[in-house]
C-alpha atoms as a PDB file:
ATOM      1  CA  MET A   1       0.086   0.125   0.078  1.00  0.00           C
ATOM      2  CA  ASP A   2       1.226   3.558  -0.912  1.00  0.00           C
ATOM      3  CA  PHE A   3       2.842   5.182   2.243  1.00  0.00           C
ATOM      4  CA  PHE A   4       1.459   8.693   1.308  1.00  0.00           C
ATOM      5  CA  ALA A   5      -2.054   7.256   1.025  1.00  0.00           C
ATOM      6  CA  LEU A   6      -1.805   5.763   4.417  1.00  0.00           C
ATOM      7  CA  LEU A   7      -0.904   9.029   5.831  1.00  0.00           C
ATOM      8  CA  ALA A   8      -3.903  10.551   3.901  1.00  0.00           C
ATOM      9  CA  ASN A   9      -6.286   8.022   5.087  1.00  0.00           C
ATOM     10  CA  GLY A  10      -5.052   7.719   8.831  1.00  0.00           C
ATOM     11  CA  GLY A  11      -3.994   4.016   8.233  1.00  0.00           C
ATOM     12  CA  PRO A  12      -4.440   0.999   6.212  1.00  0.00           C
ATOM     13  CA  THR A  13      -8.243   0.937   6.833  1.00  0.00           C
ATOM     14  CA  GLY A  14      -8.833   4.707   6.448  1.00  0.00           C
ATOM     15  CA  GLU A  15      -9.857   5.634  10.025  1.00  0.00           C
ATOM     16  CA  SER A  16     -10.684   9.287  10.804  1.00  0.00           C
ATOM     17  CA  PRO A  17      -8.028  11.268  12.660  1.00  0.00           C
ATOM     18  CA  SER A  18     -10.308  14.352  13.004  1.00  0.00           C
ATOM     19  CA  ILE A  19     -10.456  16.350  16.373  1.00  0.00           C
ATOM     20  CA  PHE A  20     -13.958  17.101  15.396  1.00  0.00           C
ATOM     21  CA  ASP A  21     -14.917  13.494  15.527  1.00  0.00           C
ATOM     22  CA  SER A  22     -14.267  12.990  19.014  1.00  0.00           C
ATOM     23  CA  ALA A  23     -14.941   9.524  20.846  1.00  0.00           C
ATOM     24  CA  SER A  24     -14.028  10.236  24.356  1.00  0.00           C
ATOM     25  CA  PRO A  25     -14.481  12.859  27.176  1.00  0.00           C
ATOM     26  CA  ALA A  26     -11.111  14.464  26.945  1.00  0.00           C
ATOM     27  CA  ALA A  27     -11.487  14.805  23.238  1.00  0.00           C
ATOM     28  CA  ASP A  28     -14.962  16.359  23.583  1.00  0.00           C
ATOM     29  CA  SER A  29     -13.458  19.039  25.683  1.00  0.00           C
ATOM     30  CA  ILE A  30     -10.568  19.765  23.468  1.00  0.00           C
ATOM     31  CA  GLY A  31     -12.987  19.742  20.309  1.00  0.00           C
ATOM     32  CA  ASN A  32     -15.441  22.238  22.043  1.00  0.00           C
ATOM     33  CA  LEU A  33     -12.463  24.496  23.061  1.00  0.00           C
ATOM     34  CA  SER A  34     -11.221  24.505  19.386  1.00  0.00           C
ATOM     35  CA  VAL A  35     -14.726  25.358  18.168  1.00  0.00           C
ATOM     36  CA  LEU A  36     -14.944  28.264  20.516  1.00  0.00           C
ATOM     37  CA  VAL A  37     -11.549  29.619  19.770  1.00  0.00           C
ATOM     38  CA  LEU A  38     -12.191  29.370  16.005  1.00  0.00           C
ATOM     39  CA  ALA A  39     -15.387  31.184  16.471  1.00  0.00           C
ATOM     40  CA  VAL A  40     -13.787  33.976  18.503  1.00  0.00           C
ATOM     41  CA  ALA A  41     -11.107  34.285  16.020  1.00  0.00           C
ATOM     42  CA  GLY A  42     -13.631  34.433  13.199  1.00  0.00           C
ATOM     43  CA  LEU A  43     -15.575  37.083  14.882  1.00  0.00           C
ATOM     44  CA  ILE A  44     -12.550  39.300  15.195  1.00  0.00           C
ATOM     45  CA  PHE A  45     -11.461  38.577  11.816  1.00  0.00           C
ATOM     46  CA  LEU A  46     -15.041  39.871  10.508  1.00  0.00           C
ATOM     47  CA  VAL A  47     -14.902  42.848  12.577  1.00  0.00           C
ATOM     48  CA  VAL A  48     -11.479  44.094  11.662  1.00  0.00           C
ATOM     49  CA  GLU A  49     -11.893  43.130   7.964  1.00  0.00           C
ATOM     50  CA  GLY A  50     -15.207  44.871   7.981  1.00  0.00           C
ATOM     51  CA  ILE A  51     -13.883  48.138   9.447  1.00  0.00           C
ATOM     52  CA  LEU A  52     -10.966  48.001   7.005  1.00  0.00           C
ATOM     53  CA  PHE A  53     -13.375  47.502   4.047  1.00  0.00           C
ATOM     54  CA  TYR A  54     -15.575  50.135   5.112  1.00  0.00           C
ATOM     55  CA  CYS A  55     -12.528  52.555   5.474  1.00  0.00           C
ATOM     56  CA  VAL A  56     -11.208  51.680   2.045  1.00  0.00           C
ATOM     57  CA  PHE A  57     -14.525  52.221   0.313  1.00  0.00           C
ATOM     58  CA  ARG A  58     -15.862  55.156   2.491  1.00  0.00           C
ATOM     59  CA  PHE A  59     -12.919  57.270   2.145  1.00  0.00           C
ATOM     60  CA  ARG A  60     -11.308  56.364  -1.252  1.00  0.00           C
ATOM     61  CA  ARG A  61     -10.025  59.269  -3.375  1.00  0.00           C
ATOM     62  CA  ARG A  62     -12.809  60.614  -5.638  1.00  0.00           C
ATOM     63  CA  GLY A  63     -10.878  63.380  -7.485  1.00  0.00           C
ATOM     64  CA  GLN A  64      -8.140  65.736  -7.172  1.00  0.00           C
ATOM     65  CA  ASP A  65     -10.105  68.163  -4.756  1.00  0.00           C
ATOM     66  CA  ALA A  66     -11.234  65.229  -2.420  1.00  0.00           C
ATOM     67  CA  ALA A  67     -11.071  66.136   1.083  1.00  0.00           C
ATOM     68  CA  GLU A  68      -9.020  64.229   3.416  1.00  0.00           C
ATOM     69  CA  PRO A  69     -11.001  62.534   6.243  1.00  0.00           C
ATOM     70  CA  PRO A  70     -10.738  63.923   9.832  1.00  0.00           C
ATOM     71  CA  GLN A  71      -7.393  62.845  11.506  1.00  0.00           C
ATOM     72  CA  VAL A  72      -7.924  61.697  15.050  1.00  0.00           C
ATOM     73  CA  TYR A  73      -4.813  61.509  17.370  1.00  0.00           C
ATOM     74  CA  GLY A  74      -4.908  60.783  21.149  1.00  0.00           C
ATOM     75  CA  SER A  75      -8.452  59.806  21.478  1.00  0.00           C
ATOM     76  CA  LYS A  76      -8.674  58.499  25.108  1.00  0.00           C
ATOM     77  CA  SER A  77     -11.923  56.622  24.346  1.00  0.00           C
ATOM     78  CA  ILE A  78     -10.547  54.887  21.302  1.00  0.00           C
ATOM     79  CA  GLU A  79      -7.412  53.876  23.038  1.00  0.00           C
ATOM     80  CA  ILE A  80      -9.294  52.484  25.954  1.00  0.00           C
ATOM     81  CA  ALA A  81     -11.472  50.506  23.666  1.00  0.00           C
ATOM     82  CA  TRP A  82      -8.778  48.910  21.639  1.00  0.00           C
ATOM     83  CA  THR A  83      -6.819  48.093  24.890  1.00  0.00           C
ATOM     84  CA  ALA A  84      -9.728  46.792  26.829  1.00  0.00           C
ATOM     85  CA  ALA A  85     -11.478  44.589  24.271  1.00  0.00           C
ATOM     86  CA  PRO A  86      -8.235  42.441  23.552  1.00  0.00           C
ATOM     87  CA  ALA A  87      -7.713  42.231  27.164  1.00  0.00           C
ATOM     88  CA  LEU A  88     -11.307  41.032  28.036  1.00  0.00           C
ATOM     89  CA  ILE A  89     -10.995  38.421  24.927  1.00  0.00           C
ATOM     90  CA  VAL A  90      -7.691  37.094  26.189  1.00  0.00           C
ATOM     91  CA  PHE A  91      -8.965  36.915  29.756  1.00  0.00           C
ATOM     92  CA  PHE A  92     -12.038  34.918  28.630  1.00  0.00           C
ATOM     93  CA  LEU A  93      -9.917  32.563  26.466  1.00  0.00           C
ATOM     94  CA  MET A  94      -7.574  32.060  29.569  1.00  0.00           C
ATOM     95  CA  LEU A  95     -10.547  30.903  31.607  1.00  0.00           C
ATOM     96  CA  VAL A  96     -11.907  28.417  29.067  1.00  0.00           C
ATOM     97  CA  ILE A  97      -8.481  26.957  28.493  1.00  0.00           C
ATOM     98  CA  THR A  98      -7.919  26.656  32.040  1.00  0.00           C
ATOM     99  CA  ARG A  99     -11.289  24.724  32.577  1.00  0.00           C
ATOM    100  CA  THR A 100     -10.320  22.452  29.662  1.00  0.00           C
ATOM    101  CA  LEU A 101      -6.958  21.696  31.241  1.00  0.00           C
ATOM    102  CA  TRP A 102      -8.717  20.799  34.332  1.00  0.00           C
ATOM    103  CA  GLU A 103     -10.977  18.403  32.614  1.00  0.00           C
ATOM    104  CA  VAL A 104      -7.961  16.619  30.618  1.00  0.00           C
ATOM    105  CA  GLU A 105      -5.256  16.648  33.027  1.00  0.00           C
ATOM    106  CA  VAL A 106      -6.149  13.969  35.696  1.00  0.00           C
ATOM    107  CA  ASP A 107      -3.608  12.442  38.042  1.00  0.00           C
ATOM    108  CA  PRO A 108      -3.665   8.594  37.718  1.00  0.00           C
ATOM    109  CA  PRO A 109      -5.110   6.649  40.578  1.00  0.00           C
ATOM    110  CA  ASN A 110      -3.522   3.550  42.217  1.00  0.00           C
ATOM    111  CA  PRO A 111      -4.301   0.227  40.687  1.00  0.00           C
ATOM    112  CA  GLN A 112      -7.161  -1.356  42.508  1.00  0.00           C
ATOM    113  CA  ALA A 113      -9.156  -4.732  42.066  1.00  0.00           C
ATOM    114  CA  GLY A 114     -12.512  -4.346  40.276  1.00  0.00           C
ATOM    115  CA  ASP A 115     -11.752  -0.756  38.887  1.00  0.00           C
ATOM    116  CA  GLN A 116     -11.428  -2.235  35.307  1.00  0.00           C
ATOM    117  CA  THR A 117      -8.577   0.466  34.810  1.00  0.00           C
ATOM    118  CA  LEU A 118      -5.549  -0.236  32.606  1.00  0.00           C
ATOM    119  CA  PHE A 119      -2.090   1.006  33.223  1.00  0.00           C
ATOM    120  CA  VAL A 120       0.461   1.095  30.456  1.00  0.00           C
ATOM    121  CA  THR A 121       3.850   2.585  29.985  1.00  0.00           C
ATOM    122  CA  VAL A 122       4.554   4.041  26.467  1.00  0.00           C
ATOM    123  CA  VAL A 123       8.116   4.236  25.335  1.00  0.00           C
ATOM    124  CA  GLY A 124       8.643   6.489  22.167  1.00  0.00           C
ATOM    125  CA  ARG A 125      11.639   5.140  19.979  1.00  0.00           C
ATOM    126  CA  GLN A 126      12.963   6.024  16.575  1.00  0.00           C
ATOM    127  CA  TRP A 127      10.388   5.205  14.867  1.00  0.00           C
ATOM    128  CA  TRP A 128       7.977   3.118  16.710  1.00  0.00           C
ATOM    129  CA  TRP A 129       6.170   2.623  19.903  1.00  0.00           C
ATOM    130  CA  GLU A 130       6.734   0.239  22.813  1.00  0.00           C
ATOM    131  CA  TYR A 131       3.923  -0.691  25.177  1.00  0.00           C
ATOM    132  CA  ARG A 132       4.649  -2.158  28.479  1.00  0.00           C
ATOM    133  CA  TYR A 133       1.311  -3.297  30.089  1.00  0.00           C
ATOM    134  CA  GLU A 134       1.610  -2.855  33.792  1.00  0.00           C
ATOM    135  CA  TYR A 135      -1.883  -3.408  35.526  1.00  0.00           C
ATOM    136  CA  TYR A 136      -5.443  -4.224  34.547  1.00  0.00           C
ATOM    137  CA  ASP A 137      -8.267  -4.450  37.181  1.00  0.00           C
ATOM    138  CA  GLY A 138      -5.795  -4.258  39.990  1.00  0.00           C
ATOM    139  CA  ARG A 139      -3.710  -7.335  38.825  1.00  0.00           C
ATOM    140  CA  LYS A 140      -0.200  -7.144  37.368  1.00  0.00           C
ATOM    141  CA  LEU A 141       0.351  -8.048  33.749  1.00  0.00           C
ATOM    142  CA  GLY A 142       4.016  -7.446  32.845  1.00  0.00           C
ATOM    143  CA  PHE A 143       4.183  -8.203  29.047  1.00  0.00           C
ATOM    144  CA  VAL A 144       5.376  -5.900  26.315  1.00  0.00           C
ATOM    145  CA  THR A 145       3.962  -5.294  22.817  1.00  0.00           C
ATOM    146  CA  ALA A 146       4.720  -2.762  20.019  1.00  0.00           C
ATOM    147  CA  ASN A 147       2.950  -0.146  17.933  1.00  0.00           C
ATOM    148  CA  GLU A 148      -0.747  -1.210  18.391  1.00  0.00           C
ATOM    149  CA  LEU A 149      -2.265  -0.252  21.644  1.00  0.00           C
ATOM    150  CA  HIS A 150      -5.127  -2.392  22.791  1.00  0.00           C
ATOM    151  CA  ILE A 151      -7.405  -0.813  25.453  1.00  0.00           C
ATOM    152  CA  PRO A 152     -10.846  -1.501  27.074  1.00  0.00           C
ATOM    153  CA  ALA A 153     -13.753   0.499  25.620  1.00  0.00           C
ATOM    154  CA  SER A 154     -16.339   1.990  28.016  1.00  0.00           C
ATOM    155  CA  ALA A 155     -19.724   0.641  28.112  1.00  0.00           C
ATOM    156  CA  GLU A 156     -22.974   2.279  29.160  1.00  0.00           C
ATOM    157  CA  GLY A 157     -22.698   2.960  32.916  1.00  0.00           C
ATOM    158  CA  ALA A 158     -18.982   1.798  32.995  1.00  0.00           C
ATOM    159  CA  ALA A 159     -16.271   4.097  32.340  1.00  0.00           C
ATOM    160  CA  ARG A 160     -13.083   2.251  31.644  1.00  0.00           C
ATOM    161  CA  ARG A 161     -10.044   4.426  31.464  1.00  0.00           C
ATOM    162  CA  THR A 162      -6.465   3.725  30.364  1.00  0.00           C
ATOM    163  CA  TYR A 163      -3.581   5.610  32.127  1.00  0.00           C
ATOM    164  CA  LEU A 164      -0.417   6.244  30.056  1.00  0.00           C
ATOM    165  CA  ARG A 165       3.050   6.825  31.545  1.00  0.00           C
ATOM    166  CA  LEU A 166       4.917   8.462  28.658  1.00  0.00           C
ATOM    167  CA  GLU A 167       8.756   8.054  28.367  1.00  0.00           C
ATOM    168  CA  SER A 168      11.359   8.320  25.614  1.00  0.00           C
ATOM    169  CA  ALA A 169      14.308   6.209  24.777  1.00  0.00           C
ATOM    170  CA  ASP A 170      16.119   8.443  22.442  1.00  0.00           C
ATOM    171  CA  VAL A 171      14.609  11.977  21.337  1.00  0.00           C
ATOM    172  CA  CYS A 172      11.485  13.829  21.921  1.00  0.00           C
ATOM    173  CA  HIS A 173       8.221  12.316  20.729  1.00  0.00           C
ATOM    174  CA  SER A 174       4.508  13.291  21.056  1.00  0.00           C
ATOM    175  CA  PHE A 175       1.629  11.002  21.639  1.00  0.00           C
ATOM    176  CA  TRP A 176      -1.410  12.148  19.861  1.00  0.00           C
ATOM    177  CA  VAL A 177      -4.699  10.278  19.004  1.00  0.00           C
ATOM    178  CA  PRO A 178      -7.058  13.254  18.099  1.00  0.00           C
ATOM    179  CA  ARG A 179     -10.273  11.410  18.721  1.00  0.00           C
ATOM    180  CA  LEU A 180      -9.298  10.156  22.033  1.00  0.00           C
ATOM    181  CA  ALA A 181      -6.988  12.896  23.727  1.00  0.00           C
ATOM    182  CA  GLY A 182      -4.655  15.811  23.115  1.00  0.00           C
ATOM    183  CA  LYS A 183      -0.973  15.728  22.458  1.00  0.00           C
ATOM    184  CA  THR A 184       1.445  14.836  25.232  1.00  0.00           C
ATOM    185  CA  ASP A 185       5.160  14.955  24.900  1.00  0.00           C
ATOM    186  CA  LEU A 186       7.538  12.068  25.566  1.00  0.00           C
ATOM    187  CA  ILE A 187      10.918  13.723  26.760  1.00  0.00           C
ATOM    188  CA  PRO A 188      14.129  11.938  27.495  1.00  0.00           C
ATOM    189  CA  GLY A 189      14.700  11.803  31.290  1.00  0.00           C
ATOM    190  CA  GLN A 190      11.192  12.910  32.037  1.00  0.00           C
ATOM    191  CA  THR A 191       8.065  11.176  32.622  1.00  0.00           C
ATOM    192  CA  ASN A 192       4.725  12.455  31.574  1.00  0.00           C
ATOM    193  CA  GLN A 193       1.000  11.242  32.083  1.00  0.00           C
ATOM    194  CA  MET A 194      -2.131  11.190  30.117  1.00  0.00           C
ATOM    195  CA  TRP A 195      -5.272   9.079  30.006  1.00  0.00           C
ATOM    196  CA  LEU A 196      -7.489   7.722  27.478  1.00  0.00           C
ATOM    197  CA  GLU A 197     -11.233   6.719  27.396  1.00  0.00           C
ATOM    198  CA  ALA A 198     -13.061   5.337  24.482  1.00  0.00           C
ATOM    199  CA  ARG A 199     -16.791   5.578  24.412  1.00  0.00           C
ATOM    200  CA  GLY A 200     -16.979   2.512  22.168  1.00  0.00           C
ATOM    201  CA  PRO A 201     -15.056  -0.113  20.363  1.00  0.00           C
ATOM    202  CA  GLY A 202     -13.088   0.769  17.264  1.00  0.00           C
ATOM    203  CA  VAL A 203      -9.729   1.625  15.838  1.00  0.00           C
ATOM    204  CA  TYR A 204      -8.432   5.127  16.588  1.00  0.00           C
ATOM    205  CA  VAL A 205      -5.538   6.410  14.696  1.00  0.00           C
ATOM    206  CA  GLY A 206      -2.899   9.013  15.558  1.00  0.00           C
ATOM    207  CA  GLN A 207       0.681  10.309  14.796  1.00  0.00           C
ATOM    208  CA  CYS A 208       3.809  11.238  16.529  1.00  0.00           C
ATOM    209  CA  ALA A 209       3.345  15.079  16.651  1.00  0.00           C
ATOM    210  CA  GLU A 210       6.987  16.021  17.410  1.00  0.00           C
ATOM    211  CA  TYR A 211       9.578  15.833  14.720  1.00  0.00           C
ATOM    212  CA  CYS A 212      11.975  13.014  15.842  1.00  0.00           C
ATOM    213  CA  GLY A 213      14.024  12.334  12.721  1.00  0.00           C
ATOM    214  CA  THR A 214      14.034  10.807   9.446  1.00  0.00           C
ATOM    215  CA  GLN A 215      10.956   8.685   9.725  1.00  0.00           C
ATOM    216  CA  HIS A 216       8.781  10.972  11.988  1.00  0.00           C
ATOM    217  CA  ALA A 217       5.939  10.859   9.480  1.00  0.00           C
ATOM    218  CA  GLY A 218       6.093   7.153   9.524  1.00  0.00           C
ATOM    219  CA  MET A 219       5.596   6.804  13.258  1.00  0.00           C
ATOM    220  CA  LEU A 220       1.884   6.174  13.170  1.00  0.00           C
ATOM    221  CA  LEU A 221      -0.331   5.212  16.042  1.00  0.00           C
ATOM    222  CA  ARG A 222      -3.181   2.647  16.227  1.00  0.00           C
ATOM    223  CA  VAL A 223      -5.239   2.331  19.419  1.00  0.00           C
ATOM    224  CA  ILE A 224      -7.595  -0.534  19.407  1.00  0.00           C
ATOM    225  CA  ALA A 225     -10.584  -0.224  21.793  1.00  0.00           C
ATOM    226  CA  GLU A 226     -12.526  -3.527  22.447  1.00  0.00           C
ATOM    227  CA  GLU A 227     -15.470  -4.808  24.554  1.00  0.00           C
ATOM    228  CA  ARG A 228     -14.390  -5.915  28.043  1.00  0.00           C
ATOM    229  CA  ALA A 229     -14.598  -9.780  27.089  1.00  0.00           C
ATOM    230  CA  ASP A 230     -12.598  -9.260  23.862  1.00  0.00           C
ATOM    231  CA  PHE A 231     -10.045  -7.152  25.491  1.00  0.00           C
ATOM    232  CA  GLU A 232      -9.733  -9.695  28.395  1.00  0.00           C
ATOM    233  CA  ARG A 233      -9.258 -12.504  25.818  1.00  0.00           C
ATOM    234  CA  TRP A 234      -6.475 -10.474  23.938  1.00  0.00           C
ATOM    235  CA  LEU A 235      -4.753  -9.835  27.258  1.00  0.00           C
ATOM    236  CA  GLU A 236      -4.649 -13.652  28.186  1.00  0.00           C
ATOM    237  CA  HIS A 237      -3.511 -14.345  24.596  1.00  0.00           C
ATOM    238  CA  GLU A 238      -0.542 -11.663  24.777  1.00  0.00           C
ATOM    239  CA  ALA A 239       0.569 -12.910  28.081  1.00  0.00           C
ATOM    240  CA  GLN A 240       1.414 -16.159  26.547  1.00  0.00           C
ATOM    241  CA  PRO A 241       5.018 -17.156  25.320  1.00  0.00           C
ATOM    242  CA  ALA A 242       5.573 -17.500  21.472  1.00  0.00           C
ATOM    243  CA  ALA A 243       4.120 -20.562  19.835  1.00  0.00           C
ATOM    244  CA  ASP A 244       6.691 -23.482  19.486  1.00  0.00           C
ATOM    245  CA  LEU A 245       5.437 -25.550  16.435  1.00  0.00           C
ATOM    246  CA  LEU A 246       7.178 -28.808  15.594  1.00  0.00           C
ATOM    247  CA  SER A 247       6.678 -28.026  11.978  1.00  0.00           C
ATOM    248  CA  ALA A 248       8.580 -24.752  12.272  1.00  0.00           C
ATOM    249  CA  GLN A 249      11.560 -26.021  14.234  1.00  0.00           C
ATOM    250  CA  SER A 250      14.037 -25.470  11.384  1.00  0.00           C
ATOM    251  CA  ALA A 251      12.755 -21.970  10.605  1.00  0.00           C
ATOM    252  CA  ARG A 252      13.168 -21.136  14.346  1.00  0.00           C
ATOM    253  CA  GLU A 253      16.540 -22.263  14.556  1.00  0.00           C
ATOM    254  CA  THR A 254      17.455 -20.184  11.372  1.00  0.00           C
ATOM    255  CA  PHE A 255      15.812 -17.010  12.994  1.00  0.00           C
ATOM    256  CA  LEU A 256      17.729 -17.593  16.418  1.00  0.00           C
ATOM    257  CA  ALA A 257      20.997 -17.978  14.403  1.00  0.00           C
ATOM    258  CA  GLN A 258      20.619 -14.548  12.793  1.00  0.00           C
ATOM    259  CA  SER A 259      21.325 -11.018  14.169  1.00  0.00           C
ATOM    260  CA  CYS A 260      17.558 -10.622  14.687  1.00  0.00           C
ATOM    261  CA  VAL A 261      17.965 -11.859  18.247  1.00  0.00           C
ATOM    262  CA  ASN A 262      20.357  -8.984  19.183  1.00  0.00           C
ATOM    263  CA  CYS A 263      17.633  -6.562  18.931  1.00  0.00           C
ATOM    264  CA  HIS A 264      14.189  -8.316  18.929  1.00  0.00           C
ATOM    265  CA  ARG A 265      12.604 -10.305  21.734  1.00  0.00           C
ATOM    266  CA  VAL A 266      10.539 -13.374  21.356  1.00  0.00           C
ATOM    267  CA  ARG A 267       9.239 -14.494  24.849  1.00  0.00           C
ATOM    268  CA  GLY A 268       9.863 -18.210  25.607  1.00  0.00           C
ATOM    269  CA  THR A 269      13.110 -18.180  23.246  1.00  0.00           C
ATOM    270  CA  PRO A 270      16.815 -17.146  23.622  1.00  0.00           C
ATOM    271  CA  ALA A 271      15.835 -13.978  21.630  1.00  0.00           C
ATOM    272  CA  GLN A 272      15.936 -11.398  24.320  1.00  0.00           C
ATOM    273  CA  GLY A 273      16.917  -8.191  22.771  1.00  0.00           C
ATOM    274  CA  GLY A 274      15.070  -5.030  23.866  1.00  0.00           C
ATOM    275  CA  TYR A 275      16.131  -2.508  21.283  1.00  0.00           C
ATOM    276  CA  ALA A 276      13.608  -3.339  18.501  1.00  0.00           C
ATOM    277  CA  PRO A 277       9.970  -4.193  18.685  1.00  0.00           C
ATOM    278  CA  GLU A 278       8.648  -7.353  20.522  1.00  0.00           C
ATOM    279  CA  LEU A 279       7.795 -10.102  18.129  1.00  0.00           C
ATOM    280  CA  THR A 280       6.071 -12.675  20.294  1.00  0.00           C
ATOM    281  CA  HIS A 281       2.623 -12.215  18.849  1.00  0.00           C
ATOM    282  CA  LEU A 282       3.845 -10.317  15.607  1.00  0.00           C
ATOM    283  CA  MET A 283       1.014 -11.884  13.286  1.00  0.00           C
ATOM    284  CA  ALA A 284      -1.657 -10.669  15.828  1.00  0.00           C
ATOM    285  CA  ARG A 285      -1.081  -7.123  14.664  1.00  0.00           C
ATOM    286  CA  LYS A 286      -2.653  -5.658  11.611  1.00  0.00           C
ATOM    287  CA  THR A 287       0.348  -3.554  10.462  1.00  0.00           C
ATOM    288  CA  LEU A 288       4.096  -3.494  10.256  1.00  0.00           C
ATOM    289  CA  ALA A 289       6.641  -0.668  10.746  1.00  0.00           C
ATOM    290  CA  SER A 290       4.394   1.409  13.087  1.00  0.00           C
ATOM    291  CA  GLY A 291       1.520   1.503  10.942  1.00  0.00           C
ATOM    292  CA  VAL A 292       3.161   2.061   7.688  1.00  0.00           C
ATOM    293  CA  SER A 293       2.421  -1.109   6.089  1.00  0.00           C
ATOM    294  CA  GLU A 294      -0.195  -3.894   6.232  1.00  0.00           C
ATOM    295  CA  ASN A 295       1.019  -6.912   7.987  1.00  0.00           C
ATOM    296  CA  ASN A 296       0.639  -9.870   5.394  1.00  0.00           C
ATOM    297  CA  ARG A 297       3.098 -12.534   3.986  1.00  0.00           C
ATOM    298  CA  GLN A 298       4.075 -10.359   1.150  1.00  0.00           C
ATOM    299  CA  ASN A 299       4.932  -7.383   3.005  1.00  0.00           C
ATOM    300  CA  LEU A 300       6.586  -9.314   5.870  1.00  0.00           C
ATOM    301  CA  ASP A 301       8.872 -11.070   3.196  1.00  0.00           C
ATOM    302  CA  ARG A 302       9.813  -7.533   1.811  1.00  0.00           C
ATOM    303  CA  TRP A 303      10.341  -6.117   5.257  1.00  0.00           C
ATOM    304  CA  VAL A 304      12.736  -8.909   6.213  1.00  0.00           C
ATOM    305  CA  GLY A 305      14.543  -8.758   3.000  1.00  0.00           C
ATOM    306  CA  ASP A 306      14.870  -5.005   2.576  1.00  0.00           C
ATOM    307  CA  PRO A 307      13.336  -2.899   5.246  1.00  0.00           C
ATOM    308  CA  GLN A 308      14.537   0.286   3.743  1.00  0.00           C
ATOM    309  CA  SER A 309      12.204  -0.261   0.739  1.00  0.00           C
ATOM    310  CA  ILE A 310       9.276   0.080   3.131  1.00  0.00           C
ATOM    311  CA  LYS A 311      10.548   2.510   5.655  1.00  0.00           C
ATOM    312  CA  PRO A 312      13.465   4.465   4.231  1.00  0.00           C
ATOM    313  CA  GLY A 313      15.947   5.660   7.078  1.00  0.00           C
ATOM    314  CA  CYS A 314      14.590   3.063   9.596  1.00  0.00           C
ATOM    315  CA  LEU A 315      17.246   1.681  11.955  1.00  0.00           C
ATOM    316  CA  MET A 316      16.805  -2.067  10.900  1.00  0.00           C
ATOM    317  CA  PRO A 317      19.597  -2.773   8.387  1.00  0.00           C
ATOM    318  CA  ASP A 318      19.455  -4.955   5.317  1.00  0.00           C
ATOM    319  CA  PHE A 319      21.402  -8.090   6.400  1.00  0.00           C
ATOM    320  CA  LYS A 320      21.731  -9.463   2.885  1.00  0.00           C
ATOM    321  CA  LEU A 321      20.180 -12.573   3.843  1.00  0.00           C
ATOM    322  CA  SER A 322      20.174 -15.393   1.306  1.00  0.00           C
ATOM    323  CA  ASP A 323      16.799 -16.456  -0.274  1.00  0.00           C
ATOM    324  CA  THR A 324      16.682 -19.491   1.862  1.00  0.00           C
ATOM    325  CA  ASP A 325      17.356 -17.759   5.139  1.00  0.00           C
ATOM    326  CA  ARG A 326      14.928 -15.018   4.346  1.00  0.00           C
ATOM    327  CA  ASP A 327      12.078 -17.596   3.589  1.00  0.00           C
ATOM    328  CA  ARG A 328      12.788 -19.504   6.652  1.00  0.00           C
ATOM    329  CA  ILE A 329      12.855 -16.443   8.910  1.00  0.00           C
ATOM    330  CA  VAL A 330       9.408 -15.326   7.323  1.00  0.00           C
ATOM    331  CA  GLU A 331       8.027 -18.741   7.910  1.00  0.00           C
ATOM    332  CA  TYR A 332       8.888 -18.770  11.513  1.00  0.00           C
ATOM    333  CA  LEU A 333       7.611 -15.034  12.054  1.00  0.00           C
ATOM    334  CA  LEU A 334       4.249 -16.267  10.463  1.00  0.00           C
ATOM    335  CA  THR A 335       3.750 -18.848  13.374  1.00  0.00           C
ATOM    336  CA  LEU A 336       3.998 -15.866  15.900  1.00  0.00           C
ATOM    337  CA  GLU A 337       0.180 -15.401  16.136  1.00  0.00           C
END
């Protein structure tokens, strides 16, 4: 699939990334604030441009003897008006922005049994997202995934929030899923917080909103909100180690003999690298390369053989694998469901 088409559509399935199509309480607050600020700015524009056009046409030169309009200098009433009006507008906007910040910036609670709350540590990396699932419903999870964040969706009468702890492993990044929340930066050496709450199941797309290097535009976000039962089944599946099929033993040995294991982790195997995305359940994800490409056999084969052809500038090198080794590695990766 064409990379630029993915960016325009918000992802392989074309989900909307609009802030005006909010799907959470935090996004509602931000969307309402945006509409209000646009309305105020539009009104100011109309007033200023109206006065400008009035003056241009009312006092345009009509001939050589046209009288010059009265020149007013030092009018106290005019100076008070153009000082007080902007001050009142700024004060009003400051109040509504403060109210919005109060609504969207919430301190995370402590994990408690029965609260149906999810806690995830998000680590921004060049150029992908690492998700460390910490707690859900008061119980400790302790597994890691990459690039696709699964969260529980709220149901009628049951708000299910996800609290994110945001960190960076290298440079500044910014986590932004417009339909769920505002932008929050991930800064090296600093921890930030944010929360998500999806009103219903669905896929919500976003983007790293802070320039972080060559593939900044290819650091896409996919948040998958699921019904409680579906989400808990996903948690149970993700907590399991990688599949170990007898039919794939030769392919597994080829994978473990390559440099892949220096960077990637596959739980239940000697591959315990932590620099690159977790691969334990790779084929359960819909996309590759942080949302840039659909996850299917054809693209996976292309990615293993020449990652730069899919994501130019990415930090995964071309290892010049033989056709046989590439096919075996792909065969093994396809078993990681």
